[in-house]
Amino acid sequence: MPPLSQSQIDALLAGPINARLATVKPDGAPYVVPVWQHWDGTSMYIIPREKSRFVAHIQHDARVAVSCADDVDPAHDRVLLEGNIEIVAGPVRMEGRMLEIATEMAQRYGGEAGLTYLRGTLDKPRYLLKLTPDKMTTWSGSWHPRYG
């Protein structure tokens, strides 16, 4: 169960890997939602819709965890990011860096259909969220020795 190298992390997150974003609801309960993600080698970006419920959770408590896993490859590479997420912009109509990231994600996750969807929703306000993790745990392969 070796940790992943930086190049392995970057390669995993450059694919159409759904991120599972965990937030803390105002009542203290956990909330998990699948999201598209963009990894720049240091930080993860997420672009939710204006009315995404989890944005209110983040506004109340910025602590999050993000789990990404290759569910197909037998090595099942995994990345767990933890830290405080930042609202960089929003809610605003996409432009500039937010639009660049959204276009990359739409292409990677949906191909031409993703780009068509994006073009049809450009007038819809969104947020740009940025997680620069305080802690990153990565692993690949089978059971960790601590599990016997």
Protein backbone atom coordinates (compact mmCIF):
# COMPACT_ATOMS: atom_id res chain seq x y z
CA MET A 1 0.00 0.00 0.00
CA PRO A 2 2.59 2.57 -1.08
CA PRO A 3 1.81 6.28 -1.28
CA LEU A 4 1.44 7.81 -4.71
CA SER A 5 4.16 9.99 -6.22
CA GLN A 6 3.32 13.54 -7.26
CA SER A 7 3.19 12.45 -10.90
CA GLN A 8 0.77 9.63 -10.02
CA ILE A 9 -1.45 12.05 -8.08
CA ASP A 10 -1.42 14.50 -10.96
CA ALA A 11 -2.23 11.74 -13.48
CA LEU A 12 -5.10 10.38 -11.39
CA LEU A 13 -6.67 13.79 -10.87
CA ALA A 14 -6.20 14.74 -14.53
CA GLY A 15 -8.69 12.02 -15.45
CA PRO A 16 -12.47 12.13 -15.18
CA ILE A 17 -12.35 11.10 -11.51
CA ASN A 18 -15.38 12.27 -9.56
CA ALA A 19 -14.43 13.90 -6.30
CA ARG A 20 -16.52 13.21 -3.22
CA LEU A 21 -16.66 16.48 -1.29
CA ALA A 22 -17.46 16.19 2.42
CA THR A 23 -18.66 19.29 4.26
CA VAL A 24 -19.95 19.95 7.76
CA LYS A 25 -23.61 20.98 7.96
CA PRO A 26 -24.54 23.73 10.45
CA ASP A 27 -25.97 21.07 12.79
CA GLY A 28 -22.59 19.27 12.77
CA ALA A 29 -23.72 16.39 10.56
CA PRO A 30 -21.57 15.33 7.59
CA TYR A 31 -22.68 15.96 4.02
CA VAL A 32 -21.07 14.30 0.99
CA VAL A 33 -21.65 15.21 -2.64
CA PRO A 34 -19.96 14.08 -5.88
CA VAL A 35 -18.43 16.94 -7.85
CA TRP A 36 -16.22 17.57 -10.84
CA GLN A 37 -12.78 18.77 -9.87
CA HIS A 38 -9.78 20.48 -11.40
CA TRP A 39 -6.32 19.84 -9.93
CA ASP A 40 -3.47 22.22 -10.76
CA GLY A 41 -0.77 20.25 -8.95
CA THR A 42 -1.19 22.20 -5.71
CA SER A 43 -4.87 23.05 -5.29
CA MET A 44 -8.23 21.56 -6.24
CA TYR A 45 -10.93 23.74 -7.77
CA ILE A 46 -14.67 23.06 -7.73
CA ILE A 47 -17.31 25.14 -9.52
CA PRO A 48 -20.76 24.61 -7.96
CA ARG A 49 -24.01 26.20 -9.01
CA GLU A 50 -25.21 29.23 -7.07
CA LYS A 51 -27.85 27.25 -5.18
CA SER A 52 -25.72 24.21 -4.31
CA ARG A 53 -26.56 23.34 -0.72
CA PHE A 54 -22.99 22.59 0.26
CA VAL A 55 -21.89 26.18 -0.40
CA ALA A 56 -23.91 27.28 2.64
CA HIS A 57 -22.12 24.60 4.67
CA ILE A 58 -18.76 26.00 3.55
CA GLN A 59 -19.83 29.53 4.40
CA HIS A 60 -20.61 28.28 7.91
CA ASP A 61 -17.56 26.00 8.30
CA ALA A 62 -14.78 25.89 5.71
CA ARG A 63 -13.41 22.50 6.84
CA VAL A 64 -13.75 19.90 4.09
CA ALA A 65 -12.40 16.57 2.94
CA VAL A 66 -12.26 15.39 -0.65
CA SER A 67 -11.94 11.73 -1.60
CA CYS A 68 -10.91 10.70 -5.11
CA ALA A 69 -10.48 7.08 -6.18
CA ASP A 70 -9.90 5.15 -9.36
CA ASP A 71 -12.77 2.69 -9.07
CA VAL A 72 -11.86 0.81 -12.27
CA ASP A 73 -8.11 0.09 -12.28
CA PRO A 74 -7.21 -2.88 -10.05
CA ALA A 75 -4.60 -0.75 -8.19
CA HIS A 76 -7.44 1.55 -7.04
CA ASP A 77 -5.24 4.63 -6.58
CA ARG A 78 -6.72 6.96 -3.97
CA VAL A 79 -6.22 10.54 -2.84
CA LEU A 80 -7.71 12.10 0.28
CA LEU A 81 -7.40 15.87 0.68
CA GLU A 82 -8.23 17.70 3.92
CA GLY A 83 -8.26 21.37 4.79
CA ASN A 84 -10.19 24.61 4.61
CA ILE A 85 -11.80 25.47 1.30
CA GLU A 86 -11.90 29.06 0.07
CA ILE A 87 -14.63 30.80 -1.88
CA VAL A 88 -12.56 32.60 -4.51
CA ALA A 89 -15.51 34.10 -6.39
CA GLY A 90 -19.24 34.00 -6.55
CA PRO A 91 -21.93 33.75 -7.12
CA VAL A 92 -21.07 35.22 -10.52
CA ARG A 93 -21.43 34.40 -14.19
CA MET A 94 -18.39 32.55 -15.37
CA GLU A 95 -15.52 34.40 -16.97
CA GLY A 96 -11.75 34.45 -16.82
CA ARG A 97 -10.09 31.75 -14.74
CA MET A 98 -13.42 30.26 -13.64
CA LEU A 99 -14.53 29.81 -17.25
CA GLU A 100 -11.14 28.32 -18.21
CA ILE A 101 -11.42 25.73 -15.43
CA ALA A 102 -15.08 25.00 -16.21
CA THR A 103 -14.29 24.50 -19.90
CA GLU A 104 -11.46 22.09 -19.09
CA MET A 105 -13.70 20.11 -16.73
CA ALA A 106 -16.64 20.01 -19.17
CA GLN A 107 -14.36 18.66 -21.90
CA ARG A 108 -12.67 16.10 -19.62
CA TYR A 109 -15.84 14.80 -17.99
CA GLY A 110 -18.31 15.08 -20.86
CA GLY A 111 -16.50 15.61 -24.14
CA GLU A 112 -18.54 17.51 -26.70
CA ALA A 113 -21.75 16.93 -24.71
CA GLY A 114 -20.09 18.51 -21.68
CA LEU A 115 -19.06 21.55 -23.69
CA THR A 116 -22.58 21.86 -25.12
CA TYR A 117 -24.00 21.74 -21.58
CA LEU A 118 -21.53 24.39 -20.43
CA ARG A 119 -22.33 26.73 -23.32
CA GLY A 120 -26.03 26.43 -22.52
CA THR A 121 -25.54 27.41 -18.88
CA LEU A 122 -22.96 30.20 -19.11
CA ASP A 123 -25.49 32.73 -17.83
CA LYS A 124 -26.09 30.74 -14.63
CA PRO A 125 -24.20 32.10 -11.59
CA ARG A 126 -21.65 29.81 -9.98
CA TYR A 127 -18.96 29.84 -7.32
CA LEU A 128 -15.27 29.16 -7.71
CA LEU A 129 -13.97 27.16 -4.74
CA LYS A 130 -10.31 26.43 -4.04
CA LEU A 131 -8.90 23.80 -1.70
CA THR A 132 -5.18 23.93 -1.00
CA PRO A 133 -4.95 20.90 1.27
CA ASP A 134 -3.38 21.02 4.72
CA LYS A 135 -3.11 17.24 4.60
CA MET A 136 -2.98 14.80 1.71
CA THR A 137 -3.11 11.04 2.11
CA THR A 138 -2.54 8.82 -0.91
CA TRP A 139 -2.30 5.09 -1.43
CA SER A 140 -2.49 2.37 -4.02
CA GLY A 141 -3.03 -1.35 -3.95
CA SER A 142 -4.44 -3.70 -1.42
CA TRP A 143 -4.81 -3.73 2.32
CA HIS A 144 -2.60 -1.68 4.57
CA PRO A 145 -0.57 -3.89 6.98
CA ARG A 146 -2.44 -2.43 9.97
CA TYR A 147 -5.58 -4.24 8.81
CA GLY A 148 -3.90 -7.62 9.09
